[in-house]
N, C-alpha and C. Protein backbone atom coordinates (compact mmCIF):
# COMPACT_ATOMS: atom_id res chain seq x y z
N MET A 1 164.37 -239.92 68.57
CA MET A 1 165.24 -239.32 67.58
C MET A 1 165.77 -240.44 66.67
N THR A 2 165.68 -240.25 65.37
CA THR A 2 166.17 -241.26 64.44
C THR A 2 167.66 -241.09 64.22
N PRO A 3 168.37 -242.21 64.03
CA PRO A 3 169.82 -242.09 63.79
C PRO A 3 170.08 -241.43 62.45
N HIS A 4 171.15 -240.68 62.39
CA HIS A 4 171.54 -239.99 61.16
C HIS A 4 172.77 -240.67 60.59
N PRO A 5 172.83 -240.81 59.28
CA PRO A 5 174.00 -241.45 58.67
C PRO A 5 175.26 -240.61 58.90
N THR A 6 176.39 -241.27 58.93
CA THR A 6 177.66 -240.57 59.09
C THR A 6 178.46 -240.67 57.80
N LEU A 7 179.37 -239.74 57.64
CA LEU A 7 180.25 -239.74 56.47
C LEU A 7 181.55 -240.46 56.80
N SER A 8 182.10 -241.12 55.81
CA SER A 8 183.43 -241.71 55.93
C SER A 8 184.46 -240.59 55.95
N LEU A 9 185.70 -240.94 56.26
CA LEU A 9 186.77 -239.95 56.23
C LEU A 9 186.91 -239.36 54.83
N THR A 10 186.79 -240.20 53.82
CA THR A 10 186.85 -239.71 52.44
C THR A 10 185.70 -238.74 52.15
N GLY A 11 184.50 -239.07 52.63
CA GLY A 11 183.36 -238.18 52.46
C GLY A 11 183.56 -236.85 53.15
N LEU A 12 184.11 -236.89 54.37
CA LEU A 12 184.39 -235.64 55.10
C LEU A 12 185.42 -234.79 54.36
N GLU A 13 186.44 -235.44 53.80
CA GLU A 13 187.44 -234.70 53.04
C GLU A 13 186.83 -234.05 51.80
N THR A 14 185.92 -234.76 51.16
CA THR A 14 185.23 -234.21 49.99
C THR A 14 184.40 -233.00 50.37
N VAL A 15 183.67 -233.12 51.49
CA VAL A 15 182.85 -232.00 51.98
C VAL A 15 183.73 -230.82 52.36
N TYR A 16 184.84 -231.09 53.04
CA TYR A 16 185.76 -230.03 53.44
C TYR A 16 186.28 -229.27 52.21
N ASP A 17 186.71 -230.02 51.20
CA ASP A 17 187.22 -229.39 49.98
C ASP A 17 186.14 -228.54 49.30
N ALA A 18 184.93 -229.08 49.21
CA ALA A 18 183.83 -228.34 48.57
C ALA A 18 183.49 -227.09 49.37
N LEU A 19 183.50 -227.19 50.69
CA LEU A 19 183.21 -226.04 51.54
C LEU A 19 184.28 -224.97 51.38
N ALA A 20 185.54 -225.37 51.38
CA ALA A 20 186.63 -224.40 51.22
C ALA A 20 186.51 -223.66 49.88
N MET A 21 186.22 -224.41 48.83
CA MET A 21 186.07 -223.77 47.51
C MET A 21 184.87 -222.83 47.49
N ALA A 22 183.76 -223.23 48.11
CA ALA A 22 182.56 -222.38 48.13
C ALA A 22 182.81 -221.10 48.93
N ILE A 23 183.54 -221.21 50.05
CA ILE A 23 183.86 -220.02 50.84
C ILE A 23 184.72 -219.07 50.01
N ASP A 24 185.70 -219.61 49.30
CA ASP A 24 186.53 -218.78 48.42
C ASP A 24 185.69 -218.13 47.33
N GLN A 25 184.75 -218.89 46.76
CA GLN A 25 183.90 -218.37 45.69
C GLN A 25 182.99 -217.25 46.21
N ALA A 26 182.51 -217.39 47.45
CA ALA A 26 181.64 -216.36 48.04
C ALA A 26 182.39 -215.04 48.23
N GLY A 27 183.68 -215.13 48.47
CA GLY A 27 184.49 -213.93 48.68
C GLY A 27 184.48 -213.50 50.13
N SER A 28 185.51 -212.77 50.50
CA SER A 28 185.69 -212.37 51.90
C SER A 28 184.56 -211.49 52.40
N ASP A 29 183.94 -210.71 51.50
CA ASP A 29 182.87 -209.81 51.93
C ASP A 29 181.52 -210.51 52.10
N LYS A 30 181.40 -211.73 51.60
CA LYS A 30 180.12 -212.45 51.67
C LYS A 30 180.22 -213.79 52.39
N LYS A 31 181.42 -214.14 52.93
CA LYS A 31 181.58 -215.47 53.49
C LYS A 31 180.70 -215.70 54.72
N GLU A 32 180.51 -214.67 55.56
CA GLU A 32 179.65 -214.85 56.73
C GLU A 32 178.20 -215.10 56.32
N LEU A 33 177.72 -214.35 55.35
CA LEU A 33 176.37 -214.53 54.85
C LEU A 33 176.21 -215.93 54.25
N PHE A 34 177.19 -216.35 53.46
CA PHE A 34 177.17 -217.68 52.87
C PHE A 34 177.10 -218.76 53.95
N LEU A 35 177.94 -218.65 55.00
CA LEU A 35 177.96 -219.67 56.05
C LEU A 35 176.66 -219.72 56.83
N VAL A 36 176.03 -218.56 57.06
CA VAL A 36 174.73 -218.54 57.73
C VAL A 36 173.68 -219.20 56.86
N LYS A 37 173.65 -218.87 55.57
CA LYS A 37 172.69 -219.49 54.66
C LYS A 37 172.90 -221.00 54.61
N LEU A 38 174.16 -221.43 54.54
CA LEU A 38 174.46 -222.86 54.50
C LEU A 38 174.01 -223.55 55.78
N ALA A 39 174.27 -222.92 56.92
CA ALA A 39 173.85 -223.50 58.21
C ALA A 39 172.34 -223.64 58.28
N LEU A 40 171.62 -222.62 57.84
CA LEU A 40 170.15 -222.68 57.88
C LEU A 40 169.61 -223.74 56.92
N LEU A 41 170.20 -223.85 55.74
CA LEU A 41 169.78 -224.88 54.80
C LEU A 41 170.04 -226.28 55.36
N ASN A 42 171.17 -226.45 56.02
CA ASN A 42 171.49 -227.75 56.60
C ASN A 42 170.63 -228.05 57.82
N ALA A 43 170.28 -227.04 58.59
CA ALA A 43 169.36 -227.24 59.71
C ALA A 43 168.00 -227.69 59.19
N GLN A 44 167.55 -227.08 58.12
CA GLN A 44 166.27 -227.46 57.51
C GLN A 44 166.35 -228.90 57.00
N ALA A 45 167.44 -229.26 56.34
CA ALA A 45 167.60 -230.61 55.83
C ALA A 45 167.71 -231.64 56.96
N LEU A 46 168.35 -231.24 58.04
CA LEU A 46 168.49 -232.12 59.20
C LEU A 46 167.15 -232.36 59.87
N GLY A 47 166.35 -231.31 59.95
CA GLY A 47 165.01 -231.43 60.50
C GLY A 47 164.95 -231.66 61.99
N ASP A 48 165.99 -231.26 62.72
CA ASP A 48 166.04 -231.50 64.16
C ASP A 48 166.77 -230.33 64.82
N ALA A 49 166.00 -229.40 65.39
CA ALA A 49 166.58 -228.19 65.97
C ALA A 49 167.49 -228.52 67.16
N GLU A 50 167.12 -229.50 67.96
CA GLU A 50 167.93 -229.85 69.13
C GLU A 50 169.29 -230.42 68.70
N LEU A 51 169.29 -231.29 67.71
CA LEU A 51 170.55 -231.84 67.20
C LEU A 51 171.40 -230.73 66.59
N PHE A 52 170.78 -229.81 65.87
CA PHE A 52 171.52 -228.69 65.30
C PHE A 52 172.18 -227.86 66.39
N GLN A 53 171.45 -227.60 67.48
CA GLN A 53 172.03 -226.83 68.60
C GLN A 53 173.19 -227.58 69.24
N GLN A 54 173.08 -228.89 69.34
CA GLN A 54 174.20 -229.69 69.87
C GLN A 54 175.42 -229.55 68.97
N GLN A 55 175.20 -229.58 67.67
CA GLN A 55 176.30 -229.43 66.74
C GLN A 55 176.93 -228.04 66.81
N LEU A 56 176.11 -227.02 67.06
CA LEU A 56 176.66 -225.67 67.25
C LEU A 56 177.63 -225.64 68.43
N HIS A 57 177.21 -226.24 69.53
CA HIS A 57 178.06 -226.25 70.72
C HIS A 57 179.36 -227.01 70.48
N ILE A 58 179.27 -228.12 69.77
CA ILE A 58 180.47 -228.89 69.43
C ILE A 58 181.41 -228.08 68.55
N ALA A 59 180.85 -227.39 67.55
CA ALA A 59 181.66 -226.60 66.62
C ALA A 59 182.37 -225.43 67.32
N LEU A 60 181.77 -224.92 68.38
CA LEU A 60 182.39 -223.80 69.10
C LEU A 60 183.55 -224.22 69.99
N GLN A 61 183.67 -225.51 70.28
CA GLN A 61 184.73 -225.98 71.14
C GLN A 61 186.09 -225.90 70.43
N ASP A 62 187.07 -225.51 71.16
CA ASP A 62 188.46 -225.50 70.70
C ASP A 62 188.70 -224.70 69.41
N LEU A 63 188.03 -223.56 69.28
CA LEU A 63 188.28 -222.70 68.12
C LEU A 63 189.63 -222.00 68.26
């Protein structure tokens, strides 16, 4: 498995802000569809199904 670059705290804040605005733009009736599409696009860009599944498990923790 090749190492993946990480984002700085500033980069994460930028991503968080962009994600929040995109969720608002999608609207409450389409936010689930938007998040699924985004997850699938990011899984494709990541190119590693096992790593994506690990990230799913991490994201489900402490909701």
